[in-house]
């Protein structure tokens, strides 16, 4: 099952499941009702109306109150490349945040900000949380996950490296493309290993396996839950393996016209096109008409 969001003309977002051939989507409920009881919804399956994909706008099935929690430096080889090659392995997860408004979907065009030389890729897995967590154990936290998605944490490196805080580099317009959510029962435990591969214009640039993660999903969520409550609908981006562009010699960044793909075993392929900054201005003009 591949779970997606559908944006209606009035701005309402529904959550539905894509058909096996990807041409139709069957609705579960609106996004608020879905995330009120996501485990139950997924177990029961969608029973609402059916829409043709070509006639709807697909969006991330994200509730407005969601937080996108992200782990940096979660693969040892990635820790040892680029800026962080001389740092010691962190004792606890390095965390940063995205806003849900930075998320986009498969096929979305990602603009390069005017003050960046290009953008960088970071293929990884996202976990969707379906049960509130407070002072959870790692086992309780892992059991709260309702599904996983392919994700590309597209990064503006100049903005990211300008300060010790990463928010500017990690929240560019449409810079967080995310694939359909696949229920956890169809994915299994990430510690058993899912293959991750990122390609730029067809050339493989990242290869990794989720078994290589330093901090597992359960222990990371448990750690976060000690500081603040994790709610239904929150997301955890689990970090990227080595092979990012800025750490190469010479650096390799994404430019307008490039196509970036992230493929993760059992979760599917996420494909996005890089465009120039005029697309941001056009989006802003359209939003104010």
C-alpha atoms as a PDB file:
ATOM      1  CA  UNK A   1       0.000   0.000   0.000  1.00  0.00           C
ATOM      2  CA  UNK A   2       1.245   3.475  -0.916  1.00  0.00           C
ATOM      3  CA  UNK A   3      -0.413   6.284   1.017  1.00  0.00           C
ATOM      4  CA  UNK A   4      -0.547   9.820  -0.368  1.00  0.00           C
ATOM      5  CA  UNK A   5      -2.297  13.139   0.139  1.00  0.00           C
ATOM      6  CA  UNK A   6      -4.797  14.717  -2.268  1.00  0.00           C
ATOM      7  CA  UNK A   7      -5.344  18.463  -2.237  1.00  0.00           C
ATOM      8  CA  UNK A   8      -8.864  19.569  -3.106  1.00  0.00           C
ATOM      9  CA  UNK A   9      -9.889  22.853  -4.715  1.00  0.00           C
ATOM     10  CA  UNK A  10     -10.849  24.354  -1.333  1.00  0.00           C
ATOM     11  CA  UNK A  11      -7.423  23.489   0.123  1.00  0.00           C
ATOM     12  CA  UNK A  12      -8.643  20.476   2.094  1.00  0.00           C
ATOM     13  CA  UNK A  13      -6.231  17.548   2.094  1.00  0.00           C
ATOM     14  CA  UNK A  14      -7.494  13.982   1.933  1.00  0.00           C
ATOM     15  CA  UNK A  15      -5.414  10.871   2.589  1.00  0.00           C
ATOM     16  CA  UNK A  16      -5.724   7.911   0.278  1.00  0.00           C
ATOM     17  CA  UNK A  17      -4.039   4.787  -1.060  1.00  0.00           C
ATOM     18  CA  UNK A  18      -2.748   4.521  -4.607  1.00  0.00           C
ATOM     19  CA  UNK A  19      -3.908   1.643  -6.768  1.00  0.00           C
ATOM     20  CA  UNK A  20      -1.312  -0.934  -7.763  1.00  0.00           C
ATOM     21  CA  UNK A  21      -0.861   0.716 -11.169  1.00  0.00           C
ATOM     22  CA  UNK A  22      -0.764   4.219  -9.681  1.00  0.00           C
ATOM     23  CA  UNK A  23      -3.670   5.567 -11.752  1.00  0.00           C
ATOM     24  CA  UNK A  24      -6.268   5.795  -8.970  1.00  0.00           C
ATOM     25  CA  UNK A  25      -6.352   6.740  -5.307  1.00  0.00           C
ATOM     26  CA  UNK A  26      -8.936   5.497  -2.813  1.00  0.00           C
ATOM     27  CA  UNK A  27      -9.622   7.806   0.127  1.00  0.00           C
ATOM     28  CA  UNK A  28      -9.267   6.912   3.803  1.00  0.00           C
ATOM     29  CA  UNK A  29     -10.424  10.225   5.305  1.00  0.00           C
ATOM     30  CA  UNK A  30      -9.396  13.866   5.494  1.00  0.00           C
ATOM     31  CA  UNK A  31      -5.905  14.391   6.834  1.00  0.00           C
ATOM     32  CA  UNK A  32      -6.967  15.376  10.372  1.00  0.00           C
ATOM     33  CA  UNK A  33      -9.200  12.320  10.805  1.00  0.00           C
ATOM     34  CA  UNK A  34      -6.583  10.002   9.329  1.00  0.00           C
ATOM     35  CA  UNK A  35      -3.911  11.127  11.790  1.00  0.00           C
ATOM     36  CA  UNK A  36      -6.333  10.886  14.723  1.00  0.00           C
ATOM     37  CA  UNK A  37      -6.055   7.082  14.419  1.00  0.00           C
ATOM     38  CA  UNK A  38      -3.548   6.181  11.698  1.00  0.00           C
ATOM     39  CA  UNK A  39      -2.793   2.620  12.824  1.00  0.00           C
ATOM     40  CA  UNK A  40      -6.501   1.780  12.753  1.00  0.00           C
ATOM     41  CA  UNK A  41      -6.995   3.500   9.401  1.00  0.00           C
ATOM     42  CA  UNK A  42      -4.119   1.618   7.779  1.00  0.00           C
ATOM     43  CA  UNK A  43      -5.230  -1.724   9.199  1.00  0.00           C
ATOM     44  CA  UNK A  44      -8.802  -1.244   7.945  1.00  0.00           C
ATOM     45  CA  UNK A  45      -7.828   0.049   4.500  1.00  0.00           C
ATOM     46  CA  UNK A  46      -9.433   2.860   2.510  1.00  0.00           C
ATOM     47  CA  UNK A  47     -13.205   2.768   2.001  1.00  0.00           C
ATOM     48  CA  UNK A  48     -13.924   6.258   0.663  1.00  0.00           C
ATOM     49  CA  UNK A  49     -14.370   7.588  -2.874  1.00  0.00           C
ATOM     50  CA  UNK A  50     -11.967   6.864  -5.709  1.00  0.00           C
ATOM     51  CA  UNK A  51     -10.227   9.581  -7.734  1.00  0.00           C
ATOM     52  CA  UNK A  52      -8.213   9.409 -10.942  1.00  0.00           C
ATOM     53  CA  UNK A  53      -4.656  10.536 -10.167  1.00  0.00           C
ATOM     54  CA  UNK A  54      -4.501  12.609 -13.348  1.00  0.00           C
ATOM     55  CA  UNK A  55      -7.382  14.745 -12.048  1.00  0.00           C
ATOM     56  CA  UNK A  56      -6.027  15.508  -8.547  1.00  0.00           C
ATOM     57  CA  UNK A  57      -3.023  17.259  -7.030  1.00  0.00           C
ATOM     58  CA  UNK A  58      -0.916  14.876  -4.971  1.00  0.00           C
ATOM     59  CA  UNK A  59       0.663  16.386  -1.844  1.00  0.00           C
ATOM     60  CA  UNK A  60       2.410  14.955   1.228  1.00  0.00           C
ATOM     61  CA  UNK A  61      -0.228  13.431   3.578  1.00  0.00           C
ATOM     62  CA  UNK A  62       0.959  15.717   6.367  1.00  0.00           C
ATOM     63  CA  UNK A  63      -1.212  17.168   9.131  1.00  0.00           C
ATOM     64  CA  UNK A  64      -0.718  20.926   9.615  1.00  0.00           C
ATOM     65  CA  UNK A  65       0.619  20.517  13.167  1.00  0.00           C
ATOM     66  CA  UNK A  66       3.298  18.006  12.104  1.00  0.00           C
ATOM     67  CA  UNK A  67       6.967  18.490  12.874  1.00  0.00           C
ATOM     68  CA  UNK A  68       9.691  17.114  10.628  1.00  0.00           C
ATOM     69  CA  UNK A  69      12.489  15.995  12.956  1.00  0.00           C
ATOM     70  CA  UNK A  70      15.760  15.208  11.200  1.00  0.00           C
ATOM     71  CA  UNK A  71      18.873  13.298  12.209  1.00  0.00           C
ATOM     72  CA  UNK A  72      22.201  14.556  10.891  1.00  0.00           C
ATOM     73  CA  UNK A  73      25.418  12.509  10.860  1.00  0.00           C
ATOM     74  CA  UNK A  74      23.723   9.123  11.242  1.00  0.00           C
ATOM     75  CA  UNK A  75      25.989   7.053   8.962  1.00  0.00           C
ATOM     76  CA  UNK A  76      29.627   6.656   9.972  1.00  0.00           C
ATOM     77  CA  UNK A  77      31.023   7.147   6.481  1.00  0.00           C
ATOM     78  CA  UNK A  78      28.991  10.369   6.143  1.00  0.00           C
ATOM     79  CA  UNK A  79      30.378  11.626   9.466  1.00  0.00           C
ATOM     80  CA  UNK A  80      33.875  11.123   8.052  1.00  0.00           C
ATOM     81  CA  UNK A  81      33.321  13.088   4.834  1.00  0.00           C
ATOM     82  CA  UNK A  82      33.197  16.803   4.225  1.00  0.00           C
ATOM     83  CA  UNK A  83      33.029  19.358   7.033  1.00  0.00           C
ATOM     84  CA  UNK A  84      32.766  16.784   9.826  1.00  0.00           C
ATOM     85  CA  UNK A  85      35.621  14.442   8.875  1.00  0.00           C
ATOM     86  CA  UNK A  86      37.739  15.498  11.863  1.00  0.00           C
ATOM     87  CA  UNK A  87      34.963  15.475  14.460  1.00  0.00           C
ATOM     88  CA  UNK A  88      34.371  12.728  16.972  1.00  0.00           C
ATOM     89  CA  UNK A  89      31.308  10.525  16.675  1.00  0.00           C
ATOM     90  CA  UNK A  90      28.508  12.335  18.531  1.00  0.00           C
ATOM     91  CA  UNK A  91      27.314  10.560  21.670  1.00  0.00           C
ATOM     92  CA  UNK A  92      23.683  11.456  20.996  1.00  0.00           C
ATOM     93  CA  UNK A  93      21.839  12.097  17.714  1.00  0.00           C
ATOM     94  CA  UNK A  94      22.453  15.446  16.032  1.00  0.00           C
ATOM     95  CA  UNK A  95      18.980  16.850  15.388  1.00  0.00           C
ATOM     96  CA  UNK A  96      17.582  19.671  13.295  1.00  0.00           C
ATOM     97  CA  UNK A  97      14.121  20.561  12.032  1.00  0.00           C
ATOM     98  CA  UNK A  98      12.261  21.135   8.807  1.00  0.00           C
ATOM     99  CA  UNK A  99       8.962  22.897   8.407  1.00  0.00           C
ATOM    100  CA  UNK A 100       6.212  20.877   6.719  1.00  0.00           C
ATOM    101  CA  UNK A 101       5.873  23.678   4.154  1.00  0.00           C
ATOM    102  CA  UNK A 102       9.274  22.669   2.738  1.00  0.00           C
ATOM    103  CA  UNK A 103       7.957  19.216   1.819  1.00  0.00           C
ATOM    104  CA  UNK A 104       7.014  18.285  -1.736  1.00  0.00           C
ATOM    105  CA  UNK A 105       6.326  15.101  -3.691  1.00  0.00           C
ATOM    106  CA  UNK A 106       7.631  12.872  -6.431  1.00  0.00           C
ATOM    107  CA  UNK A 107       7.920  14.866  -9.644  1.00  0.00           C
ATOM    108  CA  UNK A 108       8.124  18.268  -7.936  1.00  0.00           C
ATOM    109  CA  UNK A 109      10.496  20.874  -9.323  1.00  0.00           C
ATOM    110  CA  UNK A 110      13.044  22.103  -6.773  1.00  0.00           C
ATOM    111  CA  UNK A 111      14.397  25.648  -7.306  1.00  0.00           C
ATOM    112  CA  UNK A 112      17.984  26.675  -6.588  1.00  0.00           C
ATOM    113  CA  UNK A 113      18.004  29.802  -4.349  1.00  0.00           C
ATOM    114  CA  UNK A 114      19.626  32.841  -5.919  1.00  0.00           C
ATOM    115  CA  UNK A 115      22.481  32.922  -3.378  1.00  0.00           C
ATOM    116  CA  UNK A 116      23.473  29.271  -3.859  1.00  0.00           C
ATOM    117  CA  UNK A 117      25.881  27.755  -6.386  1.00  0.00           C
ATOM    118  CA  UNK A 118      23.661  24.683  -6.496  1.00  0.00           C
ATOM    119  CA  UNK A 119      21.890  22.197  -4.256  1.00  0.00           C
ATOM    120  CA  UNK A 120      23.048  18.960  -2.639  1.00  0.00           C
ATOM    121  CA  UNK A 121      21.290  15.601  -2.407  1.00  0.00           C
ATOM    122  CA  UNK A 122      20.705  13.475   0.702  1.00  0.00           C
ATOM    123  CA  UNK A 123      18.738  10.299   0.083  1.00  0.00           C
ATOM    124  CA  UNK A 124      17.236   8.766   3.207  1.00  0.00           C
ATOM    125  CA  UNK A 125      14.269   7.111   4.908  1.00  0.00           C
ATOM    126  CA  UNK A 126      11.524   8.984   6.762  1.00  0.00           C
ATOM    127  CA  UNK A 127       9.486   7.374   9.556  1.00  0.00           C
ATOM    128  CA  UNK A 128       5.900   8.501  10.186  1.00  0.00           C
ATOM    129  CA  UNK A 129       4.774   8.445  13.820  1.00  0.00           C
ATOM    130  CA  UNK A 130       1.286   7.142  14.612  1.00  0.00           C
ATOM    131  CA  UNK A 131       1.209   7.108  18.423  1.00  0.00           C
ATOM    132  CA  UNK A 132       2.081   9.899  20.905  1.00  0.00           C
ATOM    133  CA  UNK A 133       5.369   9.357  22.724  1.00  0.00           C
ATOM    134  CA  UNK A 134       6.389  10.709  26.136  1.00  0.00           C
ATOM    135  CA  UNK A 135       9.447   9.313  27.942  1.00  0.00           C
ATOM    136  CA  UNK A 136       9.210   6.268  25.697  1.00  0.00           C
ATOM    137  CA  UNK A 137      11.508   3.276  25.591  1.00  0.00           C
ATOM    138  CA  UNK A 138      13.148   2.442  22.270  1.00  0.00           C
ATOM    139  CA  UNK A 139      10.770  -0.493  21.876  1.00  0.00           C
ATOM    140  CA  UNK A 140       7.693   1.663  22.531  1.00  0.00           C
ATOM    141  CA  UNK A 141       8.944   4.298  20.136  1.00  0.00           C
ATOM    142  CA  UNK A 142       9.585   1.829  17.328  1.00  0.00           C
ATOM    143  CA  UNK A 143       6.102   0.376  17.797  1.00  0.00           C
ATOM    144  CA  UNK A 144       4.659   3.872  17.323  1.00  0.00           C
ATOM    145  CA  UNK A 145       5.887   4.054  13.717  1.00  0.00           C
ATOM    146  CA  UNK A 146       3.030   3.580  11.253  1.00  0.00           C
ATOM    147  CA  UNK A 147       5.026   3.692   8.012  1.00  0.00           C
ATOM    148  CA  UNK A 148       8.100   4.774   6.070  1.00  0.00           C
ATOM    149  CA  UNK A 149       8.825   6.837   2.960  1.00  0.00           C
ATOM    150  CA  UNK A 150      11.643   7.583   0.574  1.00  0.00           C
ATOM    151  CA  UNK A 151      12.955  11.106   1.218  1.00  0.00           C
ATOM    152  CA  UNK A 152      15.494  13.507  -0.261  1.00  0.00           C
ATOM    153  CA  UNK A 153      16.788  16.085   2.228  1.00  0.00           C
ATOM    154  CA  UNK A 154      17.863  18.507  -0.503  1.00  0.00           C
ATOM    155  CA  UNK A 155      20.237  21.015   1.068  1.00  0.00           C
ATOM    156  CA  UNK A 156      21.437  24.535   0.322  1.00  0.00           C
ATOM    157  CA  UNK A 157      25.015  24.132   1.572  1.00  0.00           C
ATOM    158  CA  UNK A 158      26.080  27.780   1.533  1.00  0.00           C
ATOM    159  CA  UNK A 159      23.188  28.722   3.822  1.00  0.00           C
ATOM    160  CA  UNK A 160      23.684  25.627   5.968  1.00  0.00           C
ATOM    161  CA  UNK A 161      27.389  26.280   6.563  1.00  0.00           C
ATOM    162  CA  UNK A 162      27.059  30.033   7.164  1.00  0.00           C
ATOM    163  CA  UNK A 163      26.107  29.490  10.822  1.00  0.00           C
ATOM    164  CA  UNK A 164      26.012  26.722  13.406  1.00  0.00           C
ATOM    165  CA  UNK A 165      22.252  26.386  12.880  1.00  0.00           C
ATOM    166  CA  UNK A 166      21.033  24.480   9.816  1.00  0.00           C
ATOM    167  CA  UNK A 167      17.489  25.833   9.386  1.00  0.00           C
ATOM    168  CA  UNK A 168      18.264  28.128   6.430  1.00  0.00           C
ATOM    169  CA  UNK A 169      19.965  25.381   4.464  1.00  0.00           C
ATOM    170  CA  UNK A 170      17.311  22.780   5.175  1.00  0.00           C
ATOM    171  CA  UNK A 171      14.043  24.584   4.443  1.00  0.00           C
ATOM    172  CA  UNK A 172      14.242  25.763   0.861  1.00  0.00           C
ATOM    173  CA  UNK A 173      11.059  25.851  -1.188  1.00  0.00           C
ATOM    174  CA  UNK A 174       9.992  22.325  -2.197  1.00  0.00           C
ATOM    175  CA  UNK A 175      13.390  21.042  -1.015  1.00  0.00           C
ATOM    176  CA  UNK A 176      12.030  18.089   0.936  1.00  0.00           C
ATOM    177  CA  UNK A 177      10.450  15.713  -1.592  1.00  0.00           C
ATOM    178  CA  UNK A 178       8.881  12.707   0.086  1.00  0.00           C
ATOM    179  CA  UNK A 179       7.436   9.557  -1.437  1.00  0.00           C
ATOM    180  CA  UNK A 180       4.222   7.736  -0.532  1.00  0.00           C
ATOM    181  CA  UNK A 181       4.047   6.266   2.960  1.00  0.00           C
ATOM    182  CA  UNK A 182       4.394   2.470   2.993  1.00  0.00           C
ATOM    183  CA  UNK A 183       2.916   0.746   6.083  1.00  0.00           C
ATOM    184  CA  UNK A 184       5.484  -0.613   8.500  1.00  0.00           C
ATOM    185  CA  UNK A 185       4.110  -4.152   8.103  1.00  0.00           C
ATOM    186  CA  UNK A 186       5.232  -4.073   4.457  1.00  0.00           C
ATOM    187  CA  UNK A 187       8.669  -2.650   5.271  1.00  0.00           C
ATOM    188  CA  UNK A 188       9.897  -4.409   8.397  1.00  0.00           C
ATOM    189  CA  UNK A 189      12.658  -3.229  10.728  1.00  0.00           C
ATOM    190  CA  UNK A 190      15.178  -0.807   9.217  1.00  0.00           C
ATOM    191  CA  UNK A 191      17.869  -2.477  11.318  1.00  0.00           C
ATOM    192  CA  UNK A 192      17.504  -5.527   9.056  1.00  0.00           C
ATOM    193  CA  UNK A 193      18.686  -3.340   6.189  1.00  0.00           C
ATOM    194  CA  UNK A 194      17.094  -1.555   3.232  1.00  0.00           C
ATOM    195  CA  UNK A 195      19.259  -0.547   0.295  1.00  0.00           C
ATOM    196  CA  UNK A 196      19.470   3.193  -0.447  1.00  0.00           C
ATOM    197  CA  UNK A 197      20.658   4.538  -3.783  1.00  0.00           C
ATOM    198  CA  UNK A 198      20.748   8.137  -5.039  1.00  0.00           C
ATOM    199  CA  UNK A 199      21.322   8.965  -8.719  1.00  0.00           C
ATOM    200  CA  UNK A 200      21.979  12.263 -10.496  1.00  0.00           C
ATOM    201  CA  UNK A 201      21.184  12.233 -14.224  1.00  0.00           C
ATOM    202  CA  UNK A 202      21.327   8.441 -14.023  1.00  0.00           C
ATOM    203  CA  UNK A 203      24.751   8.259 -12.342  1.00  0.00           C
ATOM    204  CA  UNK A 204      24.895   6.575  -8.933  1.00  0.00           C
ATOM    205  CA  UNK A 205      26.171   9.022  -6.292  1.00  0.00           C
ATOM    206  CA  UNK A 206      25.080   7.356  -3.027  1.00  0.00           C
ATOM    207  CA  UNK A 207      24.784   3.740  -1.976  1.00  0.00           C
ATOM    208  CA  UNK A 208      24.048   2.709   1.568  1.00  0.00           C
ATOM    209  CA  UNK A 209      21.983   0.450   3.772  1.00  0.00           C
ATOM    210  CA  UNK A 210      19.784   1.347   6.733  1.00  0.00           C
ATOM    211  CA  UNK A 211      21.539  -1.340   8.774  1.00  0.00           C
ATOM    212  CA  UNK A 212      24.502   1.087   8.834  1.00  0.00           C
ATOM    213  CA  UNK A 213      22.626   3.754  10.798  1.00  0.00           C
ATOM    214  CA  UNK A 214      24.379   4.765  14.015  1.00  0.00           C
ATOM    215  CA  UNK A 215      21.158   5.648  15.829  1.00  0.00           C
ATOM    216  CA  UNK A 216      18.101   3.498  15.176  1.00  0.00           C
ATOM    217  CA  UNK A 217      14.591   4.866  14.754  1.00  0.00           C
ATOM    218  CA  UNK A 218      13.397   3.572  18.110  1.00  0.00           C
ATOM    219  CA  UNK A 219      16.284   4.905  20.161  1.00  0.00           C
ATOM    220  CA  UNK A 220      16.229   8.278  18.381  1.00  0.00           C
ATOM    221  CA  UNK A 221      12.502   8.768  18.972  1.00  0.00           C
ATOM    222  CA  UNK A 222      12.919   7.645  22.591  1.00  0.00           C
ATOM    223  CA  UNK A 223      15.690  10.211  23.058  1.00  0.00           C
ATOM    224  CA  UNK A 224      13.531  12.995  21.609  1.00  0.00           C
ATOM    225  CA  UNK A 225      10.533  11.978  23.707  1.00  0.00           C
ATOM    226  CA  UNK A 226      12.511  12.679  26.875  1.00  0.00           C
ATOM    227  CA  UNK A 227      12.539  16.388  25.971  1.00  0.00           C
ATOM    228  CA  UNK A 228       9.159  16.910  24.306  1.00  0.00           C
ATOM    229  CA  UNK A 229       6.080  14.975  23.304  1.00  0.00           C
ATOM    230  CA  UNK A 230       6.090  13.437  19.844  1.00  0.00           C
ATOM    231  CA  UNK A 231       2.617  13.602  18.324  1.00  0.00           C
ATOM    232  CA  UNK A 232       0.725  11.571  15.754  1.00  0.00           C
ATOM    233  CA  UNK A 233       1.723  12.719  12.302  1.00  0.00           C
ATOM    234  CA  UNK A 234       5.226  13.871  13.228  1.00  0.00           C
ATOM    235  CA  UNK A 235       8.015  12.629  10.955  1.00  0.00           C
ATOM    236  CA  UNK A 236      11.583  11.489  11.584  1.00  0.00           C
ATOM    237  CA  UNK A 237      14.123  11.794   8.750  1.00  0.00           C
ATOM    238  CA  UNK A 238      16.758   9.217   9.626  1.00  0.00           C
ATOM    239  CA  UNK A 239      19.890  10.652   7.980  1.00  0.00           C
ATOM    240  CA  UNK A 240      21.838  10.050   4.797  1.00  0.00           C
ATOM    241  CA  UNK A 241      24.750   7.759   3.889  1.00  0.00           C
ATOM    242  CA  UNK A 242      28.008   9.026   2.418  1.00  0.00           C
ATOM    243  CA  UNK A 243      28.363  10.328  -1.121  1.00  0.00           C
ATOM    244  CA  UNK A 244      26.931  13.833  -0.833  1.00  0.00           C
ATOM    245  CA  UNK A 245      28.011  16.351  -3.439  1.00  0.00           C
ATOM    246  CA  UNK A 246      29.734  19.080  -1.439  1.00  0.00           C
ATOM    247  CA  UNK A 247      32.243  16.602   0.056  1.00  0.00           C
ATOM    248  CA  UNK A 248      33.558  15.554  -3.359  1.00  0.00           C
ATOM    249  CA  UNK A 249      36.715  16.849  -5.058  1.00  0.00           C
ATOM    250  CA  UNK A 250      35.752  18.953  -6.873  1.00  0.00           C
ATOM    251  CA  UNK A 251      32.343  19.553  -5.280  1.00  0.00           C
ATOM    252  CA  UNK A 252      29.358  18.362  -7.324  1.00  0.00           C
ATOM    253  CA  UNK A 253      26.069  20.211  -6.854  1.00  0.00           C
ATOM    254  CA  UNK A 254      22.670  20.058  -8.500  1.00  0.00           C
ATOM    255  CA  UNK A 255      21.908  22.708 -11.123  1.00  0.00           C
ATOM    256  CA  UNK A 256      18.836  23.603 -13.192  1.00  0.00           C
ATOM    257  CA  UNK A 257      18.136  20.819 -15.655  1.00  0.00           C
ATOM    258  CA  UNK A 258      19.488  18.057 -13.397  1.00  0.00           C
ATOM    259  CA  UNK A 259      17.319  15.107 -12.379  1.00  0.00           C
ATOM    260  CA  UNK A 260      17.860  13.539  -8.961  1.00  0.00           C
ATOM    261  CA  UNK A 261      16.446  10.157  -7.960  1.00  0.00           C
ATOM    262  CA  UNK A 262      16.391   8.381  -4.613  1.00  0.00           C
ATOM    263  CA  UNK A 263      15.502   4.686  -4.643  1.00  0.00           C
ATOM    264  CA  UNK A 264      14.967   2.753  -1.420  1.00  0.00           C
ATOM    265  CA  UNK A 265      14.204  -0.927  -1.251  1.00  0.00           C
ATOM    266  CA  UNK A 266      10.487  -1.624  -0.529  1.00  0.00           C
ATOM    267  CA  UNK A 267       9.716   2.117  -0.485  1.00  0.00           C
ATOM    268  CA  UNK A 268      10.127   3.065  -4.133  1.00  0.00           C
ATOM    269  CA  UNK A 269      11.745   5.707  -6.317  1.00  0.00           C
ATOM    270  CA  UNK A 270      11.515   9.460  -5.817  1.00  0.00           C
ATOM    271  CA  UNK A 271      12.348  11.589  -8.879  1.00  0.00           C
ATOM    272  CA  UNK A 272      12.695  15.378  -8.899  1.00  0.00           C
ATOM    273  CA  UNK A 273      13.879  18.030 -11.344  1.00  0.00           C
ATOM    274  CA  UNK A 274      16.066  20.992 -10.424  1.00  0.00           C
ATOM    275  CA  UNK A 275      14.967  24.389 -11.769  1.00  0.00           C
ATOM    276  CA  UNK A 276      16.204  27.969 -11.536  1.00  0.00           C
ATOM    277  CA  UNK A 277      15.155  30.634  -9.075  1.00  0.00           C
ATOM    278  CA  UNK A 278      12.588  32.238 -11.389  1.00  0.00           C
ATOM    279  CA  UNK A 279      10.230  29.434 -10.412  1.00  0.00           C
ATOM    280  CA  UNK A 280      10.236  30.695  -6.813  1.00  0.00           C
ATOM    281  CA  UNK A 281       9.251  34.187  -7.951  1.00  0.00           C
ATOM    282  CA  UNK A 282       6.504  32.801 -10.178  1.00  0.00           C
ATOM    283  CA  UNK A 283       5.136  30.721  -7.275  1.00  0.00           C
ATOM    284  CA  UNK A 284       5.118  33.765  -5.000  1.00  0.00           C
ATOM    285  CA  UNK A 285       3.343  35.893  -7.636  1.00  0.00           C
ATOM    286  CA  UNK A 286       0.691  33.234  -8.185  1.00  0.00           C
ATOM    287  CA  UNK A 287       0.061  32.913  -4.460  1.00  0.00           C
ATOM    288  CA  UNK A 288      -0.728  36.628  -4.132  1.00  0.00           C
ATOM    289  CA  UNK A 289      -3.116  36.948  -7.066  1.00  0.00           C
END
